[in-house]
Amino acid sequence: MYVLLLAVLQWLHVFFGIFWFGSVLTMDFIVVPAIQSVPPAVRQAFGGALAKRAPMVITQVAGTTILLGLVRGIASGVLGVLGSPYGLTWIASFVLGVGLMVFGLRVMTPAADKVRLAGQGPDFEAALARIKRLSISELGGFIVILVFMIAMRFGY
């Protein structure tokens, strides 16, 4: 039963992590470039709707990912090995995950609000360009977390 619990926690954590990371990749490489390629009226309408919905969904997914990682780590005994390479990597992953979520809430969400509230024209274009730059920065954090997850898989 214990092994089944760990497996369920692991795969739920992986699923929500893929959802979170995949959302950033999709925004960076598909959605924002697509928004930039359509006429201004469509761009503003779609960008505004996306900026209203995305933060709600991504915040819930991010929180669930972090919570599942915390519970999975505790359930597998990480609290007893916090000084080991695995424990230190787990702590770093947790801190970085929380940091990415805070970045999303404190930086990305206000930037998305600017996209939603900007009218057509230079203000909208500037807000959209800022979202793209910030999102690429966020992607860097996810790459580091991915490296940590792989390291933990091998005991580090």
C-alpha atoms as a PDB file:
ATOM      1  CA  MET A   1       0.000   0.000   0.000  1.00  0.00           C
ATOM      2  CA  TYR A   2       2.855   2.405   0.887  1.00  0.00           C
ATOM      3  CA  VAL A   3       4.549   1.835  -2.482  1.00  0.00           C
ATOM      4  CA  LEU A   4       1.242   2.478  -4.250  1.00  0.00           C
ATOM      5  CA  LEU A   5       0.822   5.757  -2.336  1.00  0.00           C
ATOM      6  CA  LEU A   6       4.327   6.883  -3.324  1.00  0.00           C
ATOM      7  CA  ALA A   7       3.674   5.934  -6.949  1.00  0.00           C
ATOM      8  CA  VAL A   8       0.409   7.885  -7.029  1.00  0.00           C
ATOM      9  CA  LEU A   9       2.043  10.931  -5.405  1.00  0.00           C
ATOM     10  CA  GLN A  10       4.980  10.715  -7.813  1.00  0.00           C
ATOM     11  CA  TRP A  11       2.870  10.490 -10.951  1.00  0.00           C
ATOM     12  CA  LEU A  12       0.431  13.187  -9.871  1.00  0.00           C
ATOM     13  CA  HIS A  13       3.421  15.425  -9.117  1.00  0.00           C
ATOM     14  CA  VAL A  14       4.897  14.634 -12.543  1.00  0.00           C
ATOM     15  CA  PHE A  15       1.547  15.200 -14.287  1.00  0.00           C
ATOM     16  CA  PHE A  16       0.974  18.604 -12.708  1.00  0.00           C
ATOM     17  CA  GLY A  17       4.633  19.543 -13.249  1.00  0.00           C
ATOM     18  CA  ILE A  18       4.306  18.704 -16.950  1.00  0.00           C
ATOM     19  CA  PHE A  19       1.122  20.789 -17.082  1.00  0.00           C
ATOM     20  CA  TRP A  20       2.873  23.764 -15.447  1.00  0.00           C
ATOM     21  CA  PHE A  21       6.065  23.541 -17.513  1.00  0.00           C
ATOM     22  CA  GLY A  22       4.096  22.787 -20.674  1.00  0.00           C
ATOM     23  CA  SER A  23       1.972  25.878 -20.116  1.00  0.00           C
ATOM     24  CA  VAL A  24       5.079  28.054 -20.101  1.00  0.00           C
ATOM     25  CA  LEU A  25       6.457  26.372 -23.217  1.00  0.00           C
ATOM     26  CA  THR A  26       3.126  26.699 -25.017  1.00  0.00           C
ATOM     27  CA  MET A  27       2.845  30.372 -24.130  1.00  0.00           C
ATOM     28  CA  ASP A  28       6.450  31.130 -25.151  1.00  0.00           C
ATOM     29  CA  PHE A  29       6.580  29.301 -28.442  1.00  0.00           C
ATOM     30  CA  ILE A  30       2.987  29.024 -29.685  1.00  0.00           C
ATOM     31  CA  VAL A  31       0.473  31.399 -28.092  1.00  0.00           C
ATOM     32  CA  VAL A  32       2.417  34.682 -27.866  1.00  0.00           C
ATOM     33  CA  PRO A  33       3.843  34.390 -31.406  1.00  0.00           C
ATOM     34  CA  ALA A  34       0.349  33.501 -32.678  1.00  0.00           C
ATOM     35  CA  ILE A  35      -1.141  36.526 -30.927  1.00  0.00           C
ATOM     36  CA  GLN A  36       1.535  38.731 -32.485  1.00  0.00           C
ATOM     37  CA  SER A  37       0.613  37.473 -35.975  1.00  0.00           C
ATOM     38  CA  VAL A  38      -3.109  38.311 -35.993  1.00  0.00           C
ATOM     39  CA  PRO A  39      -4.801  41.674 -36.623  1.00  0.00           C
ATOM     40  CA  PRO A  40      -4.739  44.156 -33.731  1.00  0.00           C
ATOM     41  CA  ALA A  41      -8.437  43.815 -32.833  1.00  0.00           C
ATOM     42  CA  VAL A  42      -8.167  40.025 -32.575  1.00  0.00           C
ATOM     43  CA  ARG A  43      -4.835  40.323 -30.784  1.00  0.00           C
ATOM     44  CA  GLN A  44      -6.282  42.554 -28.071  1.00  0.00           C
ATOM     45  CA  ALA A  45      -9.444  40.460 -27.605  1.00  0.00           C
ATOM     46  CA  PHE A  46      -7.655  37.108 -27.436  1.00  0.00           C
ATOM     47  CA  GLY A  47      -4.677  38.433 -25.460  1.00  0.00           C
ATOM     48  CA  GLY A  48      -7.030  40.000 -22.937  1.00  0.00           C
ATOM     49  CA  ALA A  49      -9.089  36.822 -22.529  1.00  0.00           C
ATOM     50  CA  LEU A  50      -5.939  34.724 -22.174  1.00  0.00           C
ATOM     51  CA  ALA A  51      -4.446  37.128 -19.638  1.00  0.00           C
ATOM     52  CA  LYS A  52      -7.620  36.846 -17.576  1.00  0.00           C
ATOM     53  CA  ARG A  53      -7.825  33.034 -17.555  1.00  0.00           C
ATOM     54  CA  ALA A  54      -4.208  31.791 -17.621  1.00  0.00           C
ATOM     55  CA  PRO A  55      -3.096  33.069 -14.197  1.00  0.00           C
ATOM     56  CA  MET A  56      -6.044  31.399 -12.449  1.00  0.00           C
ATOM     57  CA  VAL A  57      -5.357  28.006 -13.987  1.00  0.00           C
ATOM     58  CA  ILE A  58      -1.562  28.119 -13.811  1.00  0.00           C
ATOM     59  CA  THR A  59      -1.558  29.259 -10.165  1.00  0.00           C
ATOM     60  CA  GLN A  60      -3.703  26.281  -9.172  1.00  0.00           C
ATOM     61  CA  VAL A  61      -1.534  23.872 -11.166  1.00  0.00           C
ATOM     62  CA  ALA A  62       1.679  25.352  -9.741  1.00  0.00           C
ATOM     63  CA  GLY A  63       0.390  25.138  -6.169  1.00  0.00           C
ATOM     64  CA  THR A  64      -0.715  21.541  -6.687  1.00  0.00           C
ATOM     65  CA  THR A  65       2.671  20.617  -8.176  1.00  0.00           C
ATOM     66  CA  ILE A  66       4.537  22.126  -5.235  1.00  0.00           C
ATOM     67  CA  LEU A  67       2.221  20.573  -2.656  1.00  0.00           C
ATOM     68  CA  LEU A  68       2.521  17.131  -4.246  1.00  0.00           C
ATOM     69  CA  GLY A  69       6.327  17.450  -4.348  1.00  0.00           C
ATOM     70  CA  LEU A  70       6.340  18.383  -0.668  1.00  0.00           C
ATOM     71  CA  VAL A  71       4.037  15.531   0.347  1.00  0.00           C
ATOM     72  CA  ARG A  72       5.859  13.021  -1.865  1.00  0.00           C
ATOM     73  CA  GLY A  73       9.216  14.020  -0.397  1.00  0.00           C
ATOM     74  CA  ILE A  74       7.967  13.764   3.179  1.00  0.00           C
ATOM     75  CA  ALA A  75       6.238  10.450   2.473  1.00  0.00           C
ATOM     76  CA  SER A  76       9.452   9.017   1.043  1.00  0.00           C
ATOM     77  CA  GLY A  77      11.503  10.067   4.070  1.00  0.00           C
ATOM     78  CA  VAL A  78      13.407  13.089   2.796  1.00  0.00           C
ATOM     79  CA  LEU A  79      13.152  14.788   6.192  1.00  0.00           C
ATOM     80  CA  GLY A  80      15.536  12.183   7.565  1.00  0.00           C
ATOM     81  CA  VAL A  81      18.189  12.872   4.911  1.00  0.00           C
ATOM     82  CA  LEU A  82      18.041  16.649   4.434  1.00  0.00           C
ATOM     83  CA  GLY A  83      21.836  16.956   4.752  1.00  0.00           C
ATOM     84  CA  SER A  84      22.471  14.430   1.958  1.00  0.00           C
ATOM     85  CA  PRO A  85      22.900  15.411  -1.697  1.00  0.00           C
ATOM     86  CA  TYR A  86      19.341  14.175  -2.339  1.00  0.00           C
ATOM     87  CA  GLY A  87      17.937  16.176   0.570  1.00  0.00           C
ATOM     88  CA  LEU A  88      19.757  19.342  -0.464  1.00  0.00           C
ATOM     89  CA  THR A  89      18.560  18.964  -4.049  1.00  0.00           C
ATOM     90  CA  TRP A  90      15.003  18.415  -2.763  1.00  0.00           C
ATOM     91  CA  ILE A  91      15.228  21.608  -0.686  1.00  0.00           C
ATOM     92  CA  ALA A  92      16.612  23.563  -3.642  1.00  0.00           C
ATOM     93  CA  SER A  93      13.835  22.225  -5.874  1.00  0.00           C
ATOM     94  CA  PHE A  94      11.186  23.175  -3.342  1.00  0.00           C
ATOM     95  CA  VAL A  95      12.603  26.687  -2.916  1.00  0.00           C
ATOM     96  CA  LEU A  96      12.924  27.201  -6.671  1.00  0.00           C
ATOM     97  CA  GLY A  97       9.397  25.862  -7.269  1.00  0.00           C
ATOM     98  CA  VAL A  98       7.959  28.243  -4.691  1.00  0.00           C
ATOM     99  CA  GLY A  99      10.065  31.014  -6.209  1.00  0.00           C
ATOM    100  CA  LEU A 100       8.677  30.322  -9.665  1.00  0.00           C
ATOM    101  CA  MET A 101       5.134  30.359  -8.325  1.00  0.00           C
ATOM    102  CA  VAL A 102       5.768  33.667  -6.536  1.00  0.00           C
ATOM    103  CA  PHE A 103       7.337  35.032  -9.741  1.00  0.00           C
ATOM    104  CA  GLY A 104       4.167  34.045 -11.561  1.00  0.00           C
ATOM    105  CA  LEU A 105       1.920  35.693  -8.994  1.00  0.00           C
ATOM    106  CA  ARG A 106       3.956  38.842  -8.339  1.00  0.00           C
ATOM    107  CA  VAL A 107       5.475  39.499 -11.767  1.00  0.00           C
ATOM    108  CA  MET A 108       3.706  37.537 -14.511  1.00  0.00           C
ATOM    109  CA  THR A 109       0.128  38.119 -13.324  1.00  0.00           C
ATOM    110  CA  PRO A 110       0.480  41.926 -13.117  1.00  0.00           C
ATOM    111  CA  ALA A 111       2.151  41.869 -16.542  1.00  0.00           C
ATOM    112  CA  ALA A 112      -0.757  39.805 -17.892  1.00  0.00           C
ATOM    113  CA  ASP A 113      -3.174  42.329 -16.382  1.00  0.00           C
ATOM    114  CA  LYS A 114      -1.435  45.074 -18.354  1.00  0.00           C
ATOM    115  CA  VAL A 115      -2.024  43.081 -21.542  1.00  0.00           C
ATOM    116  CA  ARG A 116      -5.674  42.625 -20.616  1.00  0.00           C
ATOM    117  CA  LEU A 117      -6.218  46.303 -19.781  1.00  0.00           C
ATOM    118  CA  ALA A 118      -4.162  47.828 -22.603  1.00  0.00           C
ATOM    119  CA  GLY A 119      -6.042  49.100 -25.596  1.00  0.00           C
ATOM    120  CA  GLN A 120      -4.947  48.469 -29.140  1.00  0.00           C
ATOM    121  CA  GLY A 121      -1.708  50.070 -30.127  1.00  0.00           C
ATOM    122  CA  PRO A 122       1.734  50.622 -28.627  1.00  0.00           C
ATOM    123  CA  ASP A 123       0.674  49.994 -25.006  1.00  0.00           C
ATOM    124  CA  PHE A 124      -0.660  46.545 -25.911  1.00  0.00           C
ATOM    125  CA  GLU A 125       2.419  45.726 -27.998  1.00  0.00           C
ATOM    126  CA  ALA A 126       4.758  46.776 -25.183  1.00  0.00           C
ATOM    127  CA  ALA A 127       2.810  44.758 -22.603  1.00  0.00           C
ATOM    128  CA  LEU A 128       2.831  41.684 -24.848  1.00  0.00           C
ATOM    129  CA  ALA A 129       6.577  42.028 -25.494  1.00  0.00           C
ATOM    130  CA  ARG A 130       7.173  42.270 -21.735  1.00  0.00           C
ATOM    131  CA  ILE A 131       5.163  39.074 -21.130  1.00  0.00           C
ATOM    132  CA  LYS A 132       7.307  37.308 -23.707  1.00  0.00           C
ATOM    133  CA  ARG A 133      10.581  38.438 -22.052  1.00  0.00           C
ATOM    134  CA  LEU A 134       9.352  37.506 -18.586  1.00  0.00           C
ATOM    135  CA  SER A 135       8.106  34.146 -19.780  1.00  0.00           C
ATOM    136  CA  ILE A 136      11.500  33.298 -21.266  1.00  0.00           C
ATOM    137  CA  SER A 137      13.044  34.149 -17.869  1.00  0.00           C
ATOM    138  CA  GLU A 138      10.539  31.835 -16.192  1.00  0.00           C
ATOM    139  CA  LEU A 139      11.513  29.112 -18.641  1.00  0.00           C
ATOM    140  CA  GLY A 140      15.097  29.329 -17.355  1.00  0.00           C
ATOM    141  CA  GLY A 141      13.854  28.522 -13.850  1.00  0.00           C
ATOM    142  CA  PHE A 142      12.002  25.494 -15.170  1.00  0.00           C
ATOM    143  CA  ILE A 143      15.130  24.225 -16.879  1.00  0.00           C
ATOM    144  CA  VAL A 144      16.991  24.376 -13.554  1.00  0.00           C
ATOM    145  CA  ILE A 145      14.138  22.534 -11.808  1.00  0.00           C
ATOM    146  CA  LEU A 146      14.199  19.884 -14.540  1.00  0.00           C
ATOM    147  CA  VAL A 147      17.916  19.383 -13.919  1.00  0.00           C
ATOM    148  CA  PHE A 148      17.186  19.026 -10.180  1.00  0.00           C
ATOM    149  CA  MET A 149      14.436  16.454 -10.846  1.00  0.00           C
ATOM    150  CA  ILE A 150      16.784  14.379 -12.991  1.00  0.00           C
ATOM    151  CA  ALA A 151      19.518  14.657 -10.331  1.00  0.00           C
ATOM    152  CA  MET A 152      17.113  13.460  -7.644  1.00  0.00           C
ATOM    153  CA  ARG A 153      16.115  10.501  -9.780  1.00  0.00           C
ATOM    154  CA  PHE A 154      19.766   9.422  -9.574  1.00  0.00           C
ATOM    155  CA  GLY A 155      20.062  10.050  -5.834  1.00  0.00           C
ATOM    156  CA  TYR A 156      21.450  13.587  -5.840  1.00  0.00           C
END
